[in-house]
Amino acid sequence: MTGKLDLNNPEFKSEAKIDFIAHGDDMTAAIFGECKWRNEPLDKPIVAALIEKSGMFRQFGEKHYYLFSKSGFTDGARELVAENGNVRLIDFADMFE
C-alpha cells in the first residue's frame, strides 16, 4: 500500500494528488482512494477526478475506487457511482459498522 501521493500528471502538465493506492504483488489490480473530512457532502467532481487521476497508472488492468467522507455524498456523486460498478462510497457512519 502506498500513502498520499503527489504526482506530476504529464497529460495535463499539472500536479495530481491521490490519498492512497493499494495493490497486490502481481500489480494487475489496484484500489485508489480519497478521504475528505469536510462539513459538506462529497460531490461528483471529486469522484470523477479520482477516476481521471488513476489513468496515470496504466499498468493496472483492474481499478477500484474507495471514497471516504465525513458528511456523506451528494446525489450527483451517487449517480456517477451507479454508472461505474467499481466505486464504493463510505461515509462516517459506515466506518463503524
N, C-alpha and C. Protein backbone atom coordinates (compact mmCIF):
# COMPACT_ATOMS: atom_id res chain seq x y z
N MET A 1 0.85 -1.17 0.00
CA MET A 1 0.00 0.00 0.00
C MET A 1 0.89 1.23 0.00
N THR A 2 0.44 2.23 -0.68
CA THR A 2 1.16 3.48 -0.77
C THR A 2 0.32 4.57 -0.13
N GLY A 3 0.95 5.47 0.59
CA GLY A 3 0.24 6.58 1.22
C GLY A 3 -0.06 7.67 0.22
N LYS A 4 -0.31 8.88 0.73
CA LYS A 4 -0.65 10.01 -0.12
C LYS A 4 0.44 10.26 -1.15
N LEU A 5 0.02 10.44 -2.40
CA LEU A 5 0.96 10.65 -3.48
C LEU A 5 0.75 12.01 -4.13
N ASP A 6 1.82 12.73 -4.33
CA ASP A 6 1.81 13.94 -5.13
C ASP A 6 2.54 13.59 -6.41
N LEU A 7 1.82 13.60 -7.52
CA LEU A 7 2.37 13.14 -8.78
C LEU A 7 2.30 14.23 -9.84
N ASN A 8 3.22 14.20 -10.76
CA ASN A 8 3.14 15.08 -11.91
C ASN A 8 2.36 14.36 -12.99
N ASN A 9 1.29 14.98 -13.45
CA ASN A 9 0.46 14.41 -14.49
C ASN A 9 0.95 14.94 -15.84
N PRO A 10 1.65 14.12 -16.63
CA PRO A 10 2.21 14.61 -17.89
C PRO A 10 1.13 14.97 -18.91
N GLU A 11 -0.03 14.34 -18.82
CA GLU A 11 -1.10 14.63 -19.78
C GLU A 11 -1.62 16.05 -19.62
N PHE A 12 -1.80 16.49 -18.37
CA PHE A 12 -2.35 17.81 -18.11
C PHE A 12 -1.27 18.81 -17.65
N LYS A 13 -0.02 18.32 -17.55
CA LYS A 13 1.09 19.16 -17.11
C LYS A 13 0.76 19.87 -15.80
N SER A 14 0.28 19.08 -14.86
CA SER A 14 -0.06 19.62 -13.55
C SER A 14 0.20 18.54 -12.49
N GLU A 15 0.13 18.95 -11.25
CA GLU A 15 0.32 18.01 -10.15
C GLU A 15 -1.02 17.37 -9.80
N ALA A 16 -0.99 16.09 -9.50
CA ALA A 16 -2.20 15.36 -9.11
C ALA A 16 -1.95 14.74 -7.74
N LYS A 17 -2.95 14.74 -6.90
CA LYS A 17 -2.83 14.14 -5.57
C LYS A 17 -3.85 13.02 -5.42
N ILE A 18 -3.37 11.89 -4.92
CA ILE A 18 -4.22 10.75 -4.61
C ILE A 18 -3.92 10.38 -3.17
N ASP A 19 -4.96 10.23 -2.34
CA ASP A 19 -4.73 9.98 -0.92
C ASP A 19 -4.11 8.61 -0.66
N PHE A 20 -4.57 7.57 -1.35
CA PHE A 20 -3.90 6.28 -1.18
C PHE A 20 -4.12 5.38 -2.39
N ILE A 21 -3.15 4.49 -2.57
CA ILE A 21 -3.21 3.45 -3.59
C ILE A 21 -2.77 2.15 -2.92
N ALA A 22 -3.53 1.11 -3.14
CA ALA A 22 -3.17 -0.22 -2.64
C ALA A 22 -3.18 -1.18 -3.83
N HIS A 23 -2.18 -2.07 -3.87
CA HIS A 23 -2.12 -3.04 -4.97
C HIS A 23 -1.49 -4.33 -4.48
N GLY A 24 -1.76 -5.39 -5.21
CA GLY A 24 -1.18 -6.68 -4.89
C GLY A 24 0.21 -6.81 -5.48
N ASP A 25 0.89 -7.87 -5.11
CA ASP A 25 2.24 -8.11 -5.60
C ASP A 25 2.32 -8.27 -7.11
N ASP A 26 1.24 -8.78 -7.72
CA ASP A 26 1.29 -9.01 -9.16
C ASP A 26 1.01 -7.75 -9.98
N MET A 27 0.64 -6.64 -9.32
CA MET A 27 0.44 -5.34 -9.97
C MET A 27 -0.61 -5.36 -11.09
N THR A 28 -1.59 -6.25 -11.00
CA THR A 28 -2.63 -6.29 -12.02
C THR A 28 -3.88 -5.51 -11.61
N ALA A 29 -4.07 -5.30 -10.32
CA ALA A 29 -5.25 -4.60 -9.82
C ALA A 29 -4.82 -3.61 -8.73
N ALA A 30 -5.61 -2.54 -8.60
CA ALA A 30 -5.29 -1.54 -7.57
C ALA A 30 -6.57 -0.90 -7.04
N ILE A 31 -6.46 -0.40 -5.82
CA ILE A 31 -7.51 0.39 -5.20
C ILE A 31 -6.98 1.81 -5.06
N PHE A 32 -7.74 2.77 -5.55
CA PHE A 32 -7.41 4.18 -5.44
C PHE A 32 -8.40 4.81 -4.47
N GLY A 33 -7.93 5.66 -3.58
CA GLY A 33 -8.83 6.21 -2.58
C GLY A 33 -8.63 7.68 -2.29
N GLU A 34 -9.75 8.30 -1.89
CA GLU A 34 -9.76 9.69 -1.43
C GLU A 34 -10.48 9.74 -0.10
N CYS A 35 -9.98 10.57 0.79
CA CYS A 35 -10.58 10.77 2.12
C CYS A 35 -10.86 12.25 2.29
N LYS A 36 -12.12 12.60 2.55
CA LYS A 36 -12.48 14.00 2.72
C LYS A 36 -13.15 14.19 4.08
N TRP A 37 -12.55 15.02 4.91
CA TRP A 37 -13.07 15.31 6.25
C TRP A 37 -13.58 16.74 6.25
N ARG A 38 -14.73 16.92 5.62
CA ARG A 38 -15.33 18.25 5.46
C ARG A 38 -16.75 18.24 6.00
N ASN A 39 -17.30 19.42 6.19
CA ASN A 39 -18.67 19.55 6.70
C ASN A 39 -19.72 19.54 5.61
N GLU A 40 -19.31 19.37 4.36
CA GLU A 40 -20.28 19.26 3.27
C GLU A 40 -20.11 17.91 2.58
N PRO A 41 -21.19 17.40 2.00
CA PRO A 41 -21.11 16.09 1.32
C PRO A 41 -20.13 16.12 0.15
N LEU A 42 -19.49 15.00 -0.07
CA LEU A 42 -18.56 14.84 -1.19
C LEU A 42 -19.38 14.83 -2.48
N ASP A 43 -18.93 15.59 -3.49
CA ASP A 43 -19.70 15.76 -4.71
C ASP A 43 -19.07 15.02 -5.90
N LYS A 44 -19.82 14.95 -6.95
CA LYS A 44 -19.46 14.23 -8.18
C LYS A 44 -18.07 14.59 -8.73
N PRO A 45 -17.67 15.86 -8.75
CA PRO A 45 -16.34 16.17 -9.32
C PRO A 45 -15.18 15.48 -8.59
N ILE A 46 -15.32 15.22 -7.29
CA ILE A 46 -14.25 14.53 -6.55
C ILE A 46 -14.15 13.08 -7.03
N VAL A 47 -15.31 12.44 -7.22
CA VAL A 47 -15.32 11.05 -7.71
C VAL A 47 -14.72 11.00 -9.11
N ALA A 48 -15.17 11.90 -9.97
CA ALA A 48 -14.68 11.93 -11.35
C ALA A 48 -13.18 12.21 -11.40
N ALA A 49 -12.70 13.10 -10.55
CA ALA A 49 -11.28 13.44 -10.54
C ALA A 49 -10.42 12.24 -10.13
N LEU A 50 -10.88 11.47 -9.15
CA LEU A 50 -10.11 10.30 -8.72
C LEU A 50 -10.02 9.29 -9.86
N ILE A 51 -11.12 9.05 -10.53
CA ILE A 51 -11.11 8.12 -11.67
C ILE A 51 -10.16 8.63 -12.75
N GLU A 52 -10.21 9.92 -13.02
CA GLU A 52 -9.33 10.50 -14.04
C GLU A 52 -7.86 10.39 -13.64
N LYS A 53 -7.54 10.71 -12.40
CA LYS A 53 -6.15 10.66 -11.95
C LYS A 53 -5.59 9.24 -12.00
N SER A 54 -6.44 8.24 -11.78
CA SER A 54 -5.96 6.85 -11.83
C SER A 54 -5.51 6.45 -13.22
N GLY A 55 -5.90 7.22 -14.23
CA GLY A 55 -5.50 6.95 -15.60
C GLY A 55 -4.00 7.05 -15.80
N MET A 56 -3.29 7.71 -14.88
CA MET A 56 -1.83 7.79 -14.96
C MET A 56 -1.18 6.44 -14.69
N PHE A 57 -1.95 5.51 -14.12
CA PHE A 57 -1.42 4.19 -13.74
C PHE A 57 -1.95 3.14 -14.71
N ARG A 58 -1.40 3.12 -15.88
CA ARG A 58 -1.88 2.22 -16.93
C ARG A 58 -1.50 0.76 -16.69
N GLN A 59 -0.56 0.51 -15.77
CA GLN A 59 -0.12 -0.85 -15.52
C GLN A 59 -1.19 -1.69 -14.83
N PHE A 60 -2.18 -1.04 -14.24
CA PHE A 60 -3.24 -1.78 -13.55
C PHE A 60 -4.42 -1.99 -14.48
N GLY A 61 -4.70 -3.23 -14.80
CA GLY A 61 -5.82 -3.53 -15.68
C GLY A 61 -7.16 -3.44 -14.96
N GLU A 62 -7.14 -3.67 -13.67
CA GLU A 62 -8.37 -3.64 -12.87
C GLU A 62 -8.22 -2.55 -11.81
N LYS A 63 -9.16 -1.61 -11.80
CA LYS A 63 -9.10 -0.49 -10.85
C LYS A 63 -10.40 -0.41 -10.05
N HIS A 64 -10.24 -0.17 -8.76
CA HIS A 64 -11.37 0.02 -7.87
C HIS A 64 -11.16 1.33 -7.13
N TYR A 65 -12.26 1.96 -6.75
CA TYR A 65 -12.18 3.28 -6.12
C TYR A 65 -12.97 3.30 -4.82
N TYR A 66 -12.35 3.83 -3.78
CA TYR A 66 -12.99 3.99 -2.48
C TYR A 66 -12.90 5.45 -2.09
N LEU A 67 -14.06 6.03 -1.76
CA LEU A 67 -14.09 7.42 -1.31
C LEU A 67 -14.72 7.46 0.07
N PHE A 68 -14.00 8.09 1.00
CA PHE A 68 -14.44 8.21 2.39
C PHE A 68 -14.84 9.66 2.64
N SER A 69 -16.00 9.86 3.29
CA SER A 69 -16.48 11.20 3.54
C SER A 69 -17.07 11.32 4.93
N LYS A 70 -16.70 12.36 5.64
CA LYS A 70 -17.26 12.65 6.95
C LYS A 70 -18.75 12.98 6.86
N SER A 71 -19.15 13.68 5.79
CA SER A 71 -20.50 14.24 5.72
C SER A 71 -21.36 13.64 4.62
N GLY A 72 -21.03 12.44 4.18
CA GLY A 72 -21.87 11.78 3.19
C GLY A 72 -21.56 12.22 1.77
N PHE A 73 -22.54 11.98 0.87
CA PHE A 73 -22.33 12.16 -0.56
C PHE A 73 -23.55 12.81 -1.20
N THR A 74 -23.32 13.59 -2.23
CA THR A 74 -24.42 14.22 -2.95
C THR A 74 -25.08 13.20 -3.88
N ASP A 75 -26.26 13.58 -4.37
CA ASP A 75 -26.95 12.72 -5.35
C ASP A 75 -26.10 12.58 -6.62
N GLY A 76 -25.41 13.66 -7.01
CA GLY A 76 -24.56 13.59 -8.19
C GLY A 76 -23.45 12.57 -8.04
N ALA A 77 -22.84 12.51 -6.87
CA ALA A 77 -21.80 11.51 -6.61
C ALA A 77 -22.39 10.11 -6.69
N ARG A 78 -23.56 9.93 -6.10
CA ARG A 78 -24.20 8.61 -6.12
C ARG A 78 -24.58 8.19 -7.54
N GLU A 79 -25.00 9.15 -8.37
CA GLU A 79 -25.34 8.83 -9.77
C GLU A 79 -24.11 8.36 -10.54
N LEU A 80 -22.99 9.02 -10.33
CA LEU A 80 -21.75 8.62 -11.01
C LEU A 80 -21.32 7.23 -10.56
N VAL A 81 -21.49 6.94 -9.29
CA VAL A 81 -21.15 5.62 -8.76
C VAL A 81 -22.04 4.56 -9.40
N ALA A 82 -23.31 4.87 -9.59
CA ALA A 82 -24.23 3.91 -10.22
C ALA A 82 -23.80 3.58 -11.64
N GLU A 83 -23.16 4.52 -12.32
CA GLU A 83 -22.67 4.29 -13.68
C GLU A 83 -21.39 3.47 -13.71
N ASN A 84 -20.66 3.44 -12.61
CA ASN A 84 -19.38 2.74 -12.51
C ASN A 84 -19.49 1.71 -11.39
N GLY A 85 -19.49 0.46 -11.71
CA GLY A 85 -19.65 -0.59 -10.71
C GLY A 85 -18.44 -0.81 -9.82
N ASN A 86 -17.37 -0.10 -10.05
CA ASN A 86 -16.14 -0.33 -9.30
C ASN A 86 -15.82 0.81 -8.32
N VAL A 87 -16.85 1.57 -7.90
CA VAL A 87 -16.67 2.68 -6.97
C VAL A 87 -17.48 2.42 -5.71
N ARG A 88 -16.86 2.64 -4.57
CA ARG A 88 -17.56 2.45 -3.29
C ARG A 88 -17.48 3.73 -2.48
N LEU A 89 -18.63 4.17 -1.98
CA LEU A 89 -18.71 5.36 -1.15
C LEU A 89 -18.89 4.93 0.30
N ILE A 90 -18.07 5.48 1.17
CA ILE A 90 -18.12 5.10 2.60
C ILE A 90 -18.22 6.39 3.41
N ASP A 91 -19.34 6.54 4.14
CA ASP A 91 -19.45 7.73 4.98
C ASP A 91 -19.06 7.40 6.41
N PHE A 92 -19.05 8.42 7.25
CA PHE A 92 -18.56 8.27 8.62
C PHE A 92 -19.27 7.15 9.36
N ALA A 93 -20.59 7.06 9.24
CA ALA A 93 -21.35 6.02 9.93
C ALA A 93 -20.95 4.62 9.45
N ASP A 94 -20.67 4.47 8.16
CA ASP A 94 -20.26 3.17 7.60
C ASP A 94 -18.96 2.65 8.21
N MET A 95 -18.12 3.56 8.66
CA MET A 95 -16.81 3.16 9.19
C MET A 95 -16.92 2.40 10.51
N PHE A 96 -18.08 2.45 11.14
CA PHE A 96 -18.25 1.80 12.44
C PHE A 96 -19.19 0.61 12.38
N GLU A 97 -19.59 0.21 11.20
CA GLU A 97 -20.47 -0.96 11.06
C GLU A 97 -19.68 -2.23 10.93
